[in-house]
Structures are given as C-alpha cells and as structure tokens.
Protein backbone atom coordinates (compact mmCIF):
# COMPACT_ATOMS: atom_id res chain seq x y z
CA MET A 1 -18.30 -34.27 -18.14
CA SER A 2 -15.74 -36.14 -15.44
CA ASN A 3 -13.12 -34.29 -17.32
CA ILE A 4 -14.17 -30.51 -16.68
CA ILE A 5 -14.44 -31.04 -12.63
CA PRO A 6 -10.88 -31.82 -12.03
CA ALA A 7 -9.50 -28.63 -15.28
CA ILE A 8 -12.39 -26.43 -12.74
CA VAL A 9 -10.07 -27.65 -9.44
CA PHE A 10 -6.59 -26.88 -11.47
CA SER A 11 -7.35 -23.56 -12.50
CA ALA A 12 -8.52 -22.48 -9.05
CA ILE A 13 -5.27 -24.17 -8.04
CA ILE A 14 -3.68 -21.75 -10.48
CA LEU A 15 -5.14 -19.05 -10.11
CA ILE A 16 -4.21 -18.81 -6.09
CA ILE A 17 -0.48 -19.52 -6.39
CA THR A 18 -0.58 -17.11 -9.41
CA THR A 19 -1.92 -14.48 -6.95
CA LEU A 20 -0.03 -15.22 -3.96
CA MET A 21 3.31 -14.93 -6.21
CA SER A 22 2.29 -11.62 -7.39
CA LEU A 23 1.43 -10.20 -4.16
CA GLY A 24 4.56 -12.17 -2.43
CA LEU A 25 6.61 -10.06 -5.06
CA VAL A 26 4.13 -6.72 -4.55
CA TYR A 27 5.20 -6.94 -1.10
CA SER A 28 8.70 -7.87 -1.39
CA LEU A 29 9.51 -5.22 -3.71
CA SER A 30 7.45 -2.47 -2.31
CA ARG A 31 9.29 -3.38 1.06
CA PHE A 32 12.53 -2.53 -0.07
CA GLY A 33 11.69 0.33 -1.62
CA ILE A 34 12.93 -1.36 -4.89
CA PHE A 35 9.65 -0.71 -6.96
CA SER A 36 6.16 0.53 -5.63
CA ASN A 37 4.00 0.93 -8.10
CA LEU A 38 0.97 -1.77 -7.57
CA GLU A 39 -1.05 -1.56 -10.81
CA ILE A 40 2.10 -2.97 -12.89
CA PHE A 41 2.30 -6.27 -10.41
CA LEU A 42 -2.09 -6.35 -10.72
CA ILE A 43 -2.03 -6.12 -14.34
CA SER A 44 0.88 -8.74 -14.83
CA ASN A 45 -1.26 -10.73 -12.62
CA PHE A 46 -3.99 -10.93 -14.20
CA ILE A 47 -2.33 -11.15 -17.89
CA LEU A 48 -0.36 -14.15 -15.81
CA ASN A 49 -3.69 -16.01 -14.77
CA ALA A 50 -5.61 -14.95 -18.69
CA ILE A 51 -2.26 -17.10 -19.59
CA SER A 52 -2.87 -19.61 -16.90
CA PHE A 53 -6.58 -20.27 -17.54
CA GLY A 54 -5.93 -20.15 -21.57
CA PHE A 55 -3.66 -23.06 -21.05
CA VAL A 56 -6.35 -24.94 -19.07
CA ILE A 57 -8.81 -24.16 -21.66
CA GLY A 58 -6.84 -25.65 -24.48
CA ILE A 59 -5.89 -28.67 -22.63
CA LEU A 60 -9.54 -29.01 -21.88
CA VAL A 61 -10.15 -28.71 -25.50
CA ASP A 62 -7.86 -30.89 -27.06
CA GLU A 63 -8.76 -33.39 -24.29
CA ASN A 64 -12.17 -33.45 -26.21
CA GLU A 65 -11.23 -33.63 -29.33
CA LYS A 66 -9.17 -36.82 -28.63
CA LEU A 67 -12.36 -37.91 -27.01
CA LYS A 68 -14.46 -37.36 -29.85
CA GLU A 69 -11.89 -39.07 -32.22
CA LYS A 70 -11.36 -41.76 -30.03
CA PHE A 71 -15.18 -42.47 -28.76
CA GLY A 72 -17.36 -41.01 -31.68
CA GLU A 73 -19.86 -38.45 -31.83
CA GLU A 74 -22.50 -40.07 -30.22
CA ASN A 75 -21.74 -40.18 -26.62
CA ASP A 76 -20.87 -36.56 -26.57
CA LYS A 77 -23.93 -36.42 -23.74
C-alpha cells in the first residue's frame, strides 16, 4: 500500500507536465499561425497522458509482482 501513494503523486505530476507542454505547444503554434487546429492537440494530449499513465500502471504492477515474489502471498494485505 505504501507504493500506491507515490505512484499516484507521480502520475499526477506527469499529467500536469504533459498538459502544460501541450498547452504551450498549442499557444506557440497558434500564435505564430503555423497551426491553429486545437482539436488535434487536445487528442495528442489525451494520448500522451494515456501513455504516461500506462507506464505508471505498468511500473506498479511490476513492482507488485516483485514484492509478491520476495515476501510471499500472505503479506499482500
């Protein structure tokens, strides 16, 4: 249970960083007139966040399996 809180904080930080990155990209490209279609950037932000959360969940599952192998199934509570 102690690994879940840092993983949630880490995923929230990733979510904030990727959202700010995509918003900055949208602002800079639309300001200079290079690209003005915001829907594509919102979709790319959603995909980037989904990939980030997938990595975090994968790390949690892998860490859980390692702990189960190390300490056994009886300490899972």
